[in-house]
C-alpha atoms as a PDB file:
ATOM      1  CA  MET A   1      75.171 100.053  81.470  1.00  0.00           C
ATOM      2  CA  ILE A   2      78.454 101.214  82.956  1.00  0.00           C
ATOM      3  CA  LYS A   3      80.742 103.756  81.325  1.00  0.00           C
ATOM      4  CA  PRO A   4      84.153 102.754  79.930  1.00  0.00           C
ATOM      5  CA  LEU A   5      86.053 104.475  82.753  1.00  0.00           C
ATOM      6  CA  GLU A   6      83.898 102.698  85.343  1.00  0.00           C
ATOM      7  CA  ALA A   7      84.603  99.378  83.616  1.00  0.00           C
ATOM      8  CA  LEU A   8      88.318 100.169  83.702  1.00  0.00           C
ATOM      9  CA  GLU A   9      88.094 100.961  87.412  1.00  0.00           C
ATOM     10  CA  ILE A  10      86.452  97.588  88.085  1.00  0.00           C
ATOM     11  CA  LYS A  11      88.949  95.685  85.933  1.00  0.00           C
ATOM     12  CA  ALA A  12      91.925  97.385  87.577  1.00  0.00           C
ATOM     13  CA  PHE A  13      90.558  96.630  91.036  1.00  0.00           C
ATOM     14  CA  ILE A  14      89.815  92.963  90.318  1.00  0.00           C
ATOM     15  CA  LEU A  15      93.123  92.390  88.539  1.00  0.00           C
ATOM     16  CA  GLY A  16      94.887  94.267  91.345  1.00  0.00           C
ATOM     17  CA  LEU A  17      93.288  91.946  93.877  1.00  0.00           C
ATOM     18  CA  SER A  18      94.251  88.893  91.826  1.00  0.00           C
ATOM     19  CA  ARG A  19      97.922  89.919  91.862  1.00  0.00           C
ATOM     20  CA  LEU A  20      98.115  89.983  95.683  1.00  0.00           C
ATOM     21  CA  ASP A  21      99.927  87.170  97.460  1.00  0.00           C
ATOM     22  CA  ALA A  22      97.888  87.239 100.674  1.00  0.00           C
ATOM     23  CA  PRO A  23      94.277  87.823 101.692  1.00  0.00           C
ATOM     24  CA  LEU A  24      93.218  91.368 102.494  1.00  0.00           C
ATOM     25  CA  PRO A  25      93.417  92.579 106.096  1.00  0.00           C
ATOM     26  CA  GLU A  26      90.051  92.326 107.815  1.00  0.00           C
ATOM     27  CA  ASN A  27      89.365  96.085 107.814  1.00  0.00           C
ATOM     28  CA  VAL A  28      90.060  96.350 104.053  1.00  0.00           C
ATOM     29  CA  ARG A  29      88.054  93.201 103.300  1.00  0.00           C
ATOM     30  CA  MET A  30      85.084  94.652 105.174  1.00  0.00           C
ATOM     31  CA  GLN A  31      85.278  97.831 103.078  1.00  0.00           C
ATOM     32  CA  VAL A  32      85.460  95.767  99.888  1.00  0.00           C
ATOM     33  CA  ASN A  33      82.498  93.627 100.960  1.00  0.00           C
ATOM     34  CA  GLN A  34      80.372  96.768 101.430  1.00  0.00           C
ATOM     35  CA  ILE A  35      80.825  97.913  97.808  1.00  0.00           C
ATOM     36  CA  ASN A  36      77.700  97.688  95.686  1.00  0.00           C
ATOM     37  CA  ILE A  37      78.412  97.625  91.967  1.00  0.00           C
ATOM     38  CA  PRO A  38      77.640  99.753  89.960  1.00  0.00           C
ATOM     39  CA  VAL A  39      76.578 102.374  92.535  1.00  0.00           C
ATOM     40  CA  ASP A  40      79.848 102.419  94.518  1.00  0.00           C
ATOM     41  CA  ILE A  41      82.388 102.096  91.699  1.00  0.00           C
ATOM     42  CA  ASN A  42      83.916 105.433  92.701  1.00  0.00           C
ATOM     43  CA  LYS A  43      84.845 103.969  96.118  1.00  0.00           C
ATOM     44  CA  LEU A  44      87.158 101.345  94.609  1.00  0.00           C
ATOM     45  CA  TYR A  45      89.922 103.906  94.064  1.00  0.00           C
ATOM     46  CA  ASP A  46      89.921 104.988  97.719  1.00  0.00           C
ATOM     47  CA  ILE A  47      89.998 101.403  98.948  1.00  0.00           C
ATOM     48  CA  ALA A  48      92.813 100.482  96.566  1.00  0.00           C
ATOM     49  CA  LYS A  49      94.878 103.480  97.650  1.00  0.00           C
ATOM     50  CA  SER A  50      94.302 102.746 101.350  1.00  0.00           C
ATOM     51  CA  TYR A  51      96.153  99.404 101.248  1.00  0.00           C
ATOM     52  CA  PRO A  52      99.734  99.702  99.880  1.00  0.00           C
ATOM     53  CA  PRO A  53     100.075  96.222  98.299  1.00  0.00           C
ATOM     54  CA  LEU A  54      96.778  96.697  96.463  1.00  0.00           C
ATOM     55  CA  SER A  55      97.654 100.279  95.590  1.00  0.00           C
ATOM     56  CA  ALA A  56     100.875  99.169  93.900  1.00  0.00           C
ATOM     57  CA  SER A  57      99.263  96.518  91.704  1.00  0.00           C
ATOM     58  CA  TYR A  58      96.191  98.660  91.008  1.00  0.00           C
ATOM     59  CA  SER A  59      98.349 101.616  89.911  1.00  0.00           C
ATOM     60  CA  LYS A  60     100.490  99.436  87.636  1.00  0.00           C
ATOM     61  CA  ILE A  61      97.368  98.078  85.983  1.00  0.00           C
ATOM     62  CA  LEU A  62      95.950 101.562  85.402  1.00  0.00           C
ATOM     63  CA  ASP A  63      99.285 102.715  83.954  1.00  0.00           C
ATOM     64  CA  CYS A  64      99.409  99.738  81.608  1.00  0.00           C
ATOM     65  CA  SER A  65      95.797 100.306  80.655  1.00  0.00           C
ATOM     66  CA  ASP A  66      96.642 103.866  79.635  1.00  0.00           C
ATOM     67  CA  ALA A  67      99.533 102.579  77.530  1.00  0.00           C
ATOM     68  CA  LEU A  68      97.304  99.927  75.959  1.00  0.00           C
ATOM     69  CA  ALA A  69      94.676 102.518  75.087  1.00  0.00           C
ATOM     70  CA  LYS A  70      97.293 104.712  73.398  1.00  0.00           C
ATOM     71  CA  VAL A  71      98.547 101.772  71.334  1.00  0.00           C
ATOM     72  CA  ARG A  72      95.038 100.813  70.320  1.00  0.00           C
ATOM     73  CA  SER A  73      94.172 104.368  69.313  1.00  0.00           C
ATOM     74  CA  LYS A  74      97.372 105.024  67.332  1.00  0.00           C
ATOM     75  CA  GLY A  75      98.303 101.575  66.093  1.00  0.00           C
ATOM     76  CA  LEU A  76     101.486  99.605  66.625  1.00  0.00           C
ATOM     77  CA  ALA A  77     103.366 101.375  63.824  1.00  0.00           C
ATOM     78  CA  SER A  78     103.314 104.639  65.786  1.00  0.00           C
ATOM     79  CA  ILE A  79     105.211 103.264  68.781  1.00  0.00           C
ATOM     80  CA  PRO A  80     108.834 104.438  68.759  1.00  0.00           C
ATOM     81  CA  LYS A  81     111.390 101.636  68.829  1.00  0.00           C
ATOM     82  CA  PRO A  82     113.598 101.847  71.950  1.00  0.00           C
ATOM     83  CA  GLU A  83     117.348 101.599  71.647  1.00  0.00           C
ATOM     84  CA  ALA A  84     118.720  98.234  72.771  1.00  0.00           C
ATOM     85  CA  GLU A  85     120.698  99.673  75.645  1.00  0.00           C
ATOM     86  CA  GLU A  86     117.640 101.535  76.950  1.00  0.00           C
ATOM     87  CA  LEU A  87     115.556  98.385  77.345  1.00  0.00           C
ATOM     88  CA  ASN A  88     114.766  97.347  80.880  1.00  0.00           C
ATOM     89  CA  THR A  89     113.514  93.802  80.385  1.00  0.00           C
ATOM     90  CA  GLU A  90     112.277  93.486  83.959  1.00  0.00           C
ATOM     91  CA  THR A  91     109.900  96.419  83.570  1.00  0.00           C
ATOM     92  CA  ASP A  92     108.948  95.437  80.027  1.00  0.00           C
ATOM     93  CA  ASN A  93     108.123  91.862  81.049  1.00  0.00           C
ATOM     94  CA  SER A  94     105.992  93.036  83.964  1.00  0.00           C
ATOM     95  CA  ALA A  95     104.125  95.545  81.813  1.00  0.00           C
ATOM     96  CA  THR A  96     103.660  93.000  79.034  1.00  0.00           C
ATOM     97  CA  GLU A  97     102.204  90.522  81.505  1.00  0.00           C
ATOM     98  CA  ILE A  98      99.756  93.111  82.855  1.00  0.00           C
ATOM     99  CA  VAL A  99      98.703  94.221  79.371  1.00  0.00           C
ATOM    100  CA  GLN A 100      98.111  90.581  78.438  1.00  0.00           C
ATOM    101  CA  GLU A 101      95.955  90.101  81.555  1.00  0.00           C
ATOM    102  CA  LEU A 102      93.954  93.217  80.696  1.00  0.00           C
ATOM    103  CA  VAL A 103      93.352  92.091  77.127  1.00  0.00           C
ATOM    104  CA  GLU A 104      92.291  88.615  78.250  1.00  0.00           C
ATOM    105  CA  PHE A 105      90.017  90.090  80.899  1.00  0.00           C
ATOM    106  CA  GLU A 106      88.392  92.441  78.373  1.00  0.00           C
ATOM    107  CA  ASP A 107      87.907  89.600  75.900  1.00  0.00           C
ATOM    108  CA  LYS A 108      86.383  87.375  78.559  1.00  0.00           C
ATOM    109  CA  PHE A 109      83.805  89.766  80.039  1.00  0.00           C
ATOM    110  CA  ASP A 110      81.568  92.379  78.475  1.00  0.00           C
ATOM    111  CA  ASN A 111      80.450  95.253  80.715  1.00  0.00           C
ATOM    112  CA  ASN A 112      77.215  93.553  81.832  1.00  0.00           C
ATOM    113  CA  LYS A 113      79.066  90.386  82.799  1.00  0.00           C
ATOM    114  CA  LEU A 114      81.720  92.539  84.464  1.00  0.00           C
ATOM    115  CA  ILE A 115      79.149  93.937  86.907  1.00  0.00           C
ATOM    116  CA  GLU A 116      78.041  90.426  87.836  1.00  0.00           C
ATOM    117  CA  ILE A 117      81.602  89.145  88.287  1.00  0.00           C
ATOM    118  CA  ALA A 118      82.682  92.217  90.266  1.00  0.00           C
ATOM    119  CA  SER A 119      79.728  91.868  92.616  1.00  0.00           C
ATOM    120  CA  LYS A 120      80.649  88.248  93.349  1.00  0.00           C
ATOM    121  CA  VAL A 121      84.337  89.026  93.864  1.00  0.00           C
ATOM    122  CA  LEU A 122      83.703  92.010  96.110  1.00  0.00           C
ATOM    123  CA  LYS A 123      81.188  90.137  98.298  1.00  0.00           C
ATOM    124  CA  ALA A 124      83.408  87.060  98.688  1.00  0.00           C
ATOM    125  CA  VAL A 125      84.817  86.026 102.065  1.00  0.00           C
ATOM    126  CA  ASN A 126      88.244  86.130 100.410  1.00  0.00           C
ATOM    127  CA  PRO A 127      88.096  88.685  97.559  1.00  0.00           C
ATOM    128  CA  VAL A 128      91.737  88.020  96.618  1.00  0.00           C
ATOM    129  CA  GLN A 129      91.076  84.331  95.968  1.00  0.00           C
ATOM    130  CA  ALA A 130      87.784  85.116  94.239  1.00  0.00           C
ATOM    131  CA  ALA A 131      89.622  87.525  91.905  1.00  0.00           C
ATOM    132  CA  LYS A 132      92.265  84.884  91.177  1.00  0.00           C
ATOM    133  CA  ASN A 133      89.501  82.417  90.301  1.00  0.00           C
ATOM    134  CA  VAL A 134      87.988  84.876  87.797  1.00  0.00           C
ATOM    135  CA  ARG A 135      91.201  85.172  85.827  1.00  0.00           C
END
């Protein structure tokens, strides 16, 4: 059984891959294909950070995951209401979309299924397309 932080790492990586518009460069794809889940979960971070487009989507997902966890632990009533002029709808829409993807992903796969799905995605010839197919 994987730990919650390991599951989050896998989810962020797979969702990060699924948000890319192009396949991974060959050198990054080869690194991804060499990952063995659950043993190499800690390597996902380094791979994500080594490729800027993946790093950007991966980081956004982790940030939104942190925000989602805070909401879940405190409840919706504890969230301060922003002033109308302070709202940045572009950022809010992007974050809302990511949070929705995270929730759907969590609802769809328990941790045991997550290991199986991650293994298939990471071993795929085109991990980006495989991640898109999972969603």
